[in-house]
Amino acid sequence: MKTCSRCGKTKALSEFVRNRTKPDGYTYQCKACRAEYQASERGRAAQARWQASEKGRECLRRRQARYRTSEKGKATQAEYRTGSSRRVTLRRYNDSNKRSAVNRRYNSTEKGRAAFRRYRATESGKEVSRQAVNRRRARKANADGTHTYAQFLSLCESTDNRCLRCNRKAPLTEDHIIPLSAGGTDDISNIQPLCKGCNSSKGTGTVDYRAANLMAVA
């Protein structure tokens, strides 16, 4: 039994919250009195001050760490990760304005810009950038069809990674045989690998170097 310091009533220990920092391991106030105080204006203000303090944040981090490493915490996290509630939460967050605002704030920082530059330098980043440019061009031209970067790499391998116009081994770009501006599609069947210089020289003309290359091989 224990007497509440707020209401003065003697109650069972189950009516008090456990607190390892107290001499007897329980809070001075009973659960009912704590709930009443925390719901009051004064209690909410005190809670806000505590949470904003360094000591309060450190206490919260330790409590969360203890819970995550406990058996109950691990079971709860495993259930959440495999359940549908996590997918619903992630979908709701990804579709919200909050996610976009967080991304914009991070991308505007020096750390975010540096991370984006590192990603753009990777093969995955280059693929995403190329696909984004192609999709944007295709949308502007109302072109039909689409292709992936993996399909373009396969096309390059079939030509031994050589430009179909100058036959040199060089970094290859995607050239639309029939330009999008002339009604060509964005399908892989309308793509030929050319180096950057040959792609620029071809301009907006309709030239199929694949046929010329086949004739040369024959």
C-alpha atoms as a PDB file:
ATOM      1  CA  MET A   1       0.000   0.000   0.000  1.00  0.00           C
ATOM      2  CA  LYS A   2       1.075   3.576  -0.628  1.00  0.00           C
ATOM      3  CA  THR A   3      -0.375   7.031   0.062  1.00  0.00           C
ATOM      4  CA  CYS A   4      -0.725   9.451  -2.856  1.00  0.00           C
ATOM      5  CA  SER A   5       0.984  12.777  -2.201  1.00  0.00           C
ATOM      6  CA  ARG A   6      -1.694  14.634  -4.204  1.00  0.00           C
ATOM      7  CA  CYS A   7      -5.071  13.246  -3.127  1.00  0.00           C
ATOM      8  CA  GLY A   8      -3.882  11.806   0.222  1.00  0.00           C
ATOM      9  CA  LYS A   9      -5.618   8.459  -0.340  1.00  0.00           C
ATOM     10  CA  THR A  10      -3.947   5.161   0.469  1.00  0.00           C
ATOM     11  CA  LYS A  11      -4.051   2.816  -2.507  1.00  0.00           C
ATOM     12  CA  ALA A  12      -2.553  -0.439  -3.732  1.00  0.00           C
ATOM     13  CA  LEU A  13       0.850  -0.269  -5.448  1.00  0.00           C
ATOM     14  CA  SER A  14      -0.837  -1.261  -8.729  1.00  0.00           C
ATOM     15  CA  GLU A  15      -2.452   2.205  -8.691  1.00  0.00           C
ATOM     16  CA  PHE A  16       0.971   3.852  -8.956  1.00  0.00           C
ATOM     17  CA  VAL A  17       3.367   4.086 -11.898  1.00  0.00           C
ATOM     18  CA  ARG A  18       6.701   2.324 -11.571  1.00  0.00           C
ATOM     19  CA  ASN A  19       9.682   4.676 -11.363  1.00  0.00           C
ATOM     20  CA  ARG A  20      13.136   3.241 -10.666  1.00  0.00           C
ATOM     21  CA  THR A  21      14.475   6.624  -9.552  1.00  0.00           C
ATOM     22  CA  LYS A  22      12.154   6.752  -6.507  1.00  0.00           C
ATOM     23  CA  PRO A  23      13.116   5.135  -3.186  1.00  0.00           C
ATOM     24  CA  ASP A  24      10.317   2.557  -3.261  1.00  0.00           C
ATOM     25  CA  GLY A  25      10.260   2.180  -7.049  1.00  0.00           C
ATOM     26  CA  TYR A  26       6.924   3.993  -7.565  1.00  0.00           C
ATOM     27  CA  THR A  27       5.845   7.570  -8.254  1.00  0.00           C
ATOM     28  CA  TYR A  28       4.599   9.770  -5.407  1.00  0.00           C
ATOM     29  CA  GLN A  29       1.250  10.408  -7.113  1.00  0.00           C
ATOM     30  CA  CYS A  30      -1.288   7.747  -8.073  1.00  0.00           C
ATOM     31  CA  LYS A  31      -2.198   7.087 -11.693  1.00  0.00           C
ATOM     32  CA  ALA A  32      -5.491   8.994 -11.459  1.00  0.00           C
ATOM     33  CA  CYS A  33      -3.850  12.112 -10.039  1.00  0.00           C
ATOM     34  CA  ARG A  34      -1.010  11.943 -12.600  1.00  0.00           C
ATOM     35  CA  ALA A  35      -3.510  11.688 -15.443  1.00  0.00           C
ATOM     36  CA  GLU A  36      -5.484  14.649 -14.078  1.00  0.00           C
ATOM     37  CA  TYR A  37      -2.339  16.766 -13.747  1.00  0.00           C
ATOM     38  CA  GLN A  38      -1.009  15.846 -17.195  1.00  0.00           C
ATOM     39  CA  ALA A  39      -4.347  16.775 -18.773  1.00  0.00           C
ATOM     40  CA  SER A  40      -4.296  20.229 -17.130  1.00  0.00           C
ATOM     41  CA  GLU A  41      -2.808  23.318 -18.751  1.00  0.00           C
ATOM     42  CA  ARG A  42      -0.043  23.442 -16.190  1.00  0.00           C
ATOM     43  CA  GLY A  43       0.787  19.773 -16.704  1.00  0.00           C
ATOM     44  CA  ARG A  44       0.937  20.089 -20.495  1.00  0.00           C
ATOM     45  CA  ALA A  45       3.241  23.104 -20.204  1.00  0.00           C
ATOM     46  CA  ALA A  46       5.558  21.253 -17.821  1.00  0.00           C
ATOM     47  CA  GLN A  47       5.614  18.222 -20.137  1.00  0.00           C
ATOM     48  CA  ALA A  48       6.497  20.438 -23.113  1.00  0.00           C
ATOM     49  CA  ARG A  49       9.374  22.056 -21.180  1.00  0.00           C
ATOM     50  CA  TRP A  50      10.685  18.641 -20.148  1.00  0.00           C
ATOM     51  CA  GLN A  51      10.532  17.226 -23.670  1.00  0.00           C
ATOM     52  CA  ALA A  52      12.330  20.287 -25.057  1.00  0.00           C
ATOM     53  CA  SER A  53      15.164  20.025 -22.531  1.00  0.00           C
ATOM     54  CA  GLU A  54      18.346  18.093 -23.248  1.00  0.00           C
ATOM     55  CA  LYS A  55      17.756  15.881 -20.229  1.00  0.00           C
ATOM     56  CA  GLY A  56      14.223  15.082 -21.373  1.00  0.00           C
ATOM     57  CA  ARG A  57      15.357  14.210 -24.912  1.00  0.00           C
ATOM     58  CA  GLU A  58      18.123  11.987 -23.543  1.00  0.00           C
ATOM     59  CA  CYS A  59      15.657  10.252 -21.234  1.00  0.00           C
ATOM     60  CA  LEU A  60      13.305   9.628 -24.168  1.00  0.00           C
ATOM     61  CA  ARG A  61      16.144   8.224 -26.300  1.00  0.00           C
ATOM     62  CA  ARG A  62      17.176   5.820 -23.525  1.00  0.00           C
ATOM     63  CA  ARG A  63      13.579   4.701 -23.006  1.00  0.00           C
ATOM     64  CA  GLN A  64      13.076   4.101 -26.714  1.00  0.00           C
ATOM     65  CA  ALA A  65      16.370   2.186 -26.949  1.00  0.00           C
ATOM     66  CA  ARG A  66      15.395  -0.042 -24.010  1.00  0.00           C
ATOM     67  CA  TYR A  67      12.021  -0.748 -25.592  1.00  0.00           C
ATOM     68  CA  ARG A  68      13.464  -1.541 -29.028  1.00  0.00           C
ATOM     69  CA  THR A  69      15.909  -4.049 -27.558  1.00  0.00           C
ATOM     70  CA  SER A  70      13.321  -5.698 -25.286  1.00  0.00           C
ATOM     71  CA  GLU A  71      11.482  -8.856 -26.324  1.00  0.00           C
ATOM     72  CA  LYS A  72       8.174  -6.996 -26.404  1.00  0.00           C
ATOM     73  CA  GLY A  73       9.664  -4.228 -28.533  1.00  0.00           C
ATOM     74  CA  LYS A  74      11.239  -6.654 -30.998  1.00  0.00           C
ATOM     75  CA  ALA A  75       7.972  -8.572 -31.341  1.00  0.00           C
ATOM     76  CA  THR A  76       6.004  -5.357 -31.904  1.00  0.00           C
ATOM     77  CA  GLN A  77       8.461  -4.117 -34.548  1.00  0.00           C
ATOM     78  CA  ALA A  78       8.455  -7.474 -36.350  1.00  0.00           C
ATOM     79  CA  GLU A  79       4.663  -7.528 -36.391  1.00  0.00           C
ATOM     80  CA  TYR A  80       4.525  -3.953 -37.668  1.00  0.00           C
ATOM     81  CA  ARG A  81       7.090  -4.558 -40.443  1.00  0.00           C
ATOM     82  CA  THR A  82       5.250  -7.602 -41.774  1.00  0.00           C
ATOM     83  CA  GLY A  83       1.733  -6.225 -41.304  1.00  0.00           C
ATOM     84  CA  SER A  84      -0.387  -4.122 -43.586  1.00  0.00           C
ATOM     85  CA  SER A  85      -0.441  -1.168 -41.183  1.00  0.00           C
ATOM     86  CA  ARG A  86       3.182  -0.295 -42.057  1.00  0.00           C
ATOM     87  CA  ARG A  87       2.452  -0.303 -45.772  1.00  0.00           C
ATOM     88  CA  VAL A  88      -0.603   1.888 -45.227  1.00  0.00           C
ATOM     89  CA  THR A  89       1.413   4.286 -43.054  1.00  0.00           C
ATOM     90  CA  LEU A  90       4.254   4.509 -45.578  1.00  0.00           C
ATOM     91  CA  ARG A  91       1.856   5.013 -48.471  1.00  0.00           C
ATOM     92  CA  ARG A  92       0.024   7.759 -46.590  1.00  0.00           C
ATOM     93  CA  TYR A  93       3.310   9.450 -45.671  1.00  0.00           C
ATOM     94  CA  ASN A  94       4.762   9.183 -49.196  1.00  0.00           C
ATOM     95  CA  ASP A  95       1.600  10.703 -50.683  1.00  0.00           C
ATOM     96  CA  SER A  96       1.476  13.516 -48.133  1.00  0.00           C
ATOM     97  CA  ASN A  97       2.781  17.055 -48.492  1.00  0.00           C
ATOM     98  CA  LYS A  98       4.938  16.416 -45.415  1.00  0.00           C
ATOM     99  CA  ARG A  99       7.177  13.978 -47.317  1.00  0.00           C
ATOM    100  CA  SER A 100       7.621  16.459 -50.175  1.00  0.00           C
ATOM    101  CA  ALA A 101       8.419  19.266 -47.744  1.00  0.00           C
ATOM    102  CA  VAL A 102      11.006  17.118 -45.930  1.00  0.00           C
ATOM    103  CA  ASN A 103      12.649  16.194 -49.248  1.00  0.00           C
ATOM    104  CA  ARG A 104      12.749  19.818 -50.379  1.00  0.00           C
ATOM    105  CA  ARG A 105      14.344  20.965 -47.122  1.00  0.00           C
ATOM    106  CA  TYR A 106      16.966  18.204 -47.250  1.00  0.00           C
ATOM    107  CA  ASN A 107      17.743  18.723 -50.947  1.00  0.00           C
ATOM    108  CA  SER A 108      18.259  22.446 -50.340  1.00  0.00           C
ATOM    109  CA  THR A 109      20.997  21.783 -47.768  1.00  0.00           C
ATOM    110  CA  GLU A 110      24.659  21.330 -48.663  1.00  0.00           C
ATOM    111  CA  LYS A 111      24.535  17.787 -47.308  1.00  0.00           C
ATOM    112  CA  GLY A 112      21.535  16.974 -49.506  1.00  0.00           C
ATOM    113  CA  ARG A 113      23.122  18.479 -52.617  1.00  0.00           C
ATOM    114  CA  ALA A 114      26.343  16.534 -51.984  1.00  0.00           C
ATOM    115  CA  ALA A 115      24.405  13.290 -51.555  1.00  0.00           C
ATOM    116  CA  PHE A 116      22.503  13.977 -54.791  1.00  0.00           C
ATOM    117  CA  ARG A 117      25.766  14.606 -56.676  1.00  0.00           C
ATOM    118  CA  ARG A 118      27.215  11.328 -55.385  1.00  0.00           C
ATOM    119  CA  TYR A 119      24.067   9.481 -56.437  1.00  0.00           C
ATOM    120  CA  ARG A 120      24.068  11.083 -59.893  1.00  0.00           C
ATOM    121  CA  ALA A 121      27.631   9.790 -60.397  1.00  0.00           C
ATOM    122  CA  THR A 122      26.589   6.158 -59.817  1.00  0.00           C
ATOM    123  CA  GLU A 123      25.289   3.880 -62.568  1.00  0.00           C
ATOM    124  CA  SER A 124      21.897   3.778 -60.895  1.00  0.00           C
ATOM    125  CA  GLY A 125      21.787   7.590 -60.727  1.00  0.00           C
ATOM    126  CA  LYS A 126      22.799   7.916 -64.375  1.00  0.00           C
ATOM    127  CA  GLU A 127      20.077   5.481 -65.380  1.00  0.00           C
ATOM    128  CA  VAL A 128      17.415   7.365 -63.418  1.00  0.00           C
ATOM    129  CA  SER A 129      18.544  10.694 -64.925  1.00  0.00           C
ATOM    130  CA  ARG A 130      18.518   9.348 -68.481  1.00  0.00           C
ATOM    131  CA  GLN A 131      15.103   7.792 -68.062  1.00  0.00           C
ATOM    132  CA  ALA A 132      13.737  11.010 -66.586  1.00  0.00           C
ATOM    133  CA  VAL A 133      15.058  13.050 -69.521  1.00  0.00           C
ATOM    134  CA  ASN A 134      13.678  10.572 -72.054  1.00  0.00           C
ATOM    135  CA  ARG A 135      10.263  10.441 -70.394  1.00  0.00           C
ATOM    136  CA  ARG A 136      10.094  14.220 -70.279  1.00  0.00           C
ATOM    137  CA  ARG A 137      11.009  14.523 -73.970  1.00  0.00           C
ATOM    138  CA  ALA A 138       8.525  11.787 -74.915  1.00  0.00           C
ATOM    139  CA  ARG A 139       5.741  13.455 -72.923  1.00  0.00           C
ATOM    140  CA  LYS A 140       6.400  16.828 -74.528  1.00  0.00           C
ATOM    141  CA  ALA A 141       6.243  15.225 -77.973  1.00  0.00           C
ATOM    142  CA  ASN A 142       3.213  13.047 -77.062  1.00  0.00           C
ATOM    143  CA  ALA A 143       5.260  10.066 -78.311  1.00  0.00           C
ATOM    144  CA  ASP A 144       4.089   6.478 -77.994  1.00  0.00           C
ATOM    145  CA  GLY A 145       6.123   3.609 -76.564  1.00  0.00           C
ATOM    146  CA  THR A 146       8.804   3.471 -73.898  1.00  0.00           C
ATOM    147  CA  HIS A 147      12.036   1.640 -73.113  1.00  0.00           C
ATOM    148  CA  THR A 148      14.294   1.007 -70.143  1.00  0.00           C
ATOM    149  CA  TYR A 149      17.966   1.745 -69.642  1.00  0.00           C
ATOM    150  CA  ALA A 150      18.620  -2.003 -69.401  1.00  0.00           C
ATOM    151  CA  GLN A 151      17.214  -2.419 -72.917  1.00  0.00           C
ATOM    152  CA  PHE A 152      19.523   0.323 -74.179  1.00  0.00           C
ATOM    153  CA  LEU A 153      22.540  -1.344 -72.541  1.00  0.00           C
ATOM    154  CA  SER A 154      21.580  -4.611 -74.223  1.00  0.00           C
ATOM    155  CA  LEU A 155      21.370  -2.764 -77.541  1.00  0.00           C
ATOM    156  CA  CYS A 156      24.858  -1.309 -76.983  1.00  0.00           C
ATOM    157  CA  GLU A 157      26.261  -4.748 -76.226  1.00  0.00           C
ATOM    158  CA  SER A 158      24.823  -6.065 -79.494  1.00  0.00           C
ATOM    159  CA  THR A 159      26.939  -3.470 -81.360  1.00  0.00           C
ATOM    160  CA  ASP A 160      30.066  -4.230 -79.292  1.00  0.00           C
ATOM    161  CA  ASN A 161      29.583  -0.843 -77.597  1.00  0.00           C
ATOM    162  CA  ARG A 162      30.503   0.950 -80.824  1.00  0.00           C
ATOM    163  CA  CYS A 163      28.858   3.997 -82.357  1.00  0.00           C
ATOM    164  CA  LEU A 164      26.861   2.899 -85.410  1.00  0.00           C
ATOM    165  CA  ARG A 165      27.912   6.000 -87.367  1.00  0.00           C
ATOM    166  CA  CYS A 166      31.678   6.282 -86.759  1.00  0.00           C
ATOM    167  CA  ASN A 167      32.276   2.745 -85.467  1.00  0.00           C
ATOM    168  CA  ARG A 168      34.344   4.060 -82.546  1.00  0.00           C
ATOM    169  CA  LYS A 169      34.175   2.707 -78.997  1.00  0.00           C
ATOM    170  CA  ALA A 170      33.029   5.701 -76.990  1.00  0.00           C
ATOM    171  CA  PRO A 171      30.376   6.609 -74.412  1.00  0.00           C
ATOM    172  CA  LEU A 172      27.098   6.033 -76.259  1.00  0.00           C
ATOM    173  CA  THR A 173      23.889   8.041 -76.195  1.00  0.00           C
ATOM    174  CA  GLU A 174      20.339   7.150 -77.181  1.00  0.00           C
ATOM    175  CA  ASP A 175      19.393   8.467 -80.613  1.00  0.00           C
ATOM    176  CA  HIS A 176      15.852   8.285 -81.956  1.00  0.00           C
ATOM    177  CA  ILE A 177      16.030   7.074 -85.570  1.00  0.00           C
ATOM    178  CA  ILE A 178      12.812   8.905 -86.347  1.00  0.00           C
ATOM    179  CA  PRO A 179      13.014  11.966 -84.074  1.00  0.00           C
ATOM    180  CA  LEU A 180      10.282  12.479 -81.498  1.00  0.00           C
ATOM    181  CA  SER A 181       9.617  15.860 -83.101  1.00  0.00           C
ATOM    182  CA  ALA A 182       8.854  14.040 -86.369  1.00  0.00           C
ATOM    183  CA  GLY A 183       6.407  11.605 -84.812  1.00  0.00           C
ATOM    184  CA  GLY A 184       8.858   8.865 -83.802  1.00  0.00           C
ATOM    185  CA  THR A 185       8.179   6.602 -80.862  1.00  0.00           C
ATOM    186  CA  ASP A 186      10.205   6.136 -77.692  1.00  0.00           C
ATOM    187  CA  ASP A 187      10.191   2.369 -78.153  1.00  0.00           C
ATOM    188  CA  ILE A 188      13.544   0.534 -78.192  1.00  0.00           C
ATOM    189  CA  SER A 189      12.919  -0.363 -81.855  1.00  0.00           C
ATOM    190  CA  ASN A 190      13.333   3.343 -82.682  1.00  0.00           C
ATOM    191  CA  ILE A 191      16.599   3.699 -80.745  1.00  0.00           C
ATOM    192  CA  GLN A 192      20.165   3.403 -82.064  1.00  0.00           C
ATOM    193  CA  PRO A 193      23.388   3.881 -80.068  1.00  0.00           C
ATOM    194  CA  LEU A 194      25.508   6.818 -81.246  1.00  0.00           C
ATOM    195  CA  CYS A 195      28.373   8.661 -79.621  1.00  0.00           C
ATOM    196  CA  LYS A 196      27.644  12.198 -78.479  1.00  0.00           C
ATOM    197  CA  GLY A 197      29.364  13.827 -81.473  1.00  0.00           C
ATOM    198  CA  CYS A 198      27.539  11.700 -84.058  1.00  0.00           C
ATOM    199  CA  ASN A 199      24.240  12.194 -82.269  1.00  0.00           C
ATOM    200  CA  SER A 200      24.701  15.969 -82.465  1.00  0.00           C
ATOM    201  CA  SER A 201      25.770  15.793 -86.138  1.00  0.00           C
ATOM    202  CA  LYS A 202      22.683  13.774 -87.070  1.00  0.00           C
ATOM    203  CA  GLY A 203      20.482  16.499 -85.633  1.00  0.00           C
ATOM    204  CA  THR A 204      16.772  16.104 -86.364  1.00  0.00           C
ATOM    205  CA  GLY A 205      17.280  14.052 -89.506  1.00  0.00           C
ATOM    206  CA  THR A 206      15.889  10.548 -90.014  1.00  0.00           C
ATOM    207  CA  VAL A 207      18.855   8.266 -90.633  1.00  0.00           C
ATOM    208  CA  ASP A 208      18.913   4.573 -89.752  1.00  0.00           C
ATOM    209  CA  TYR A 209      22.584   3.682 -89.251  1.00  0.00           C
ATOM    210  CA  ARG A 210      21.607   0.154 -88.275  1.00  0.00           C
ATOM    211  CA  ALA A 211      20.805  -0.702 -91.889  1.00  0.00           C
ATOM    212  CA  ALA A 212      24.114   0.770 -93.122  1.00  0.00           C
ATOM    213  CA  ASN A 213      25.982  -1.159 -90.443  1.00  0.00           C
ATOM    214  CA  LEU A 214      24.345  -4.431 -91.467  1.00  0.00           C
ATOM    215  CA  MET A 215      25.254  -3.805 -95.122  1.00  0.00           C
ATOM    216  CA  ALA A 216      28.882  -3.141 -94.130  1.00  0.00           C
ATOM    217  CA  VAL A 217      29.016  -6.388 -92.176  1.00  0.00           C
ATOM    218  CA  ALA A 218      27.500  -8.325 -95.094  1.00  0.00           C
END
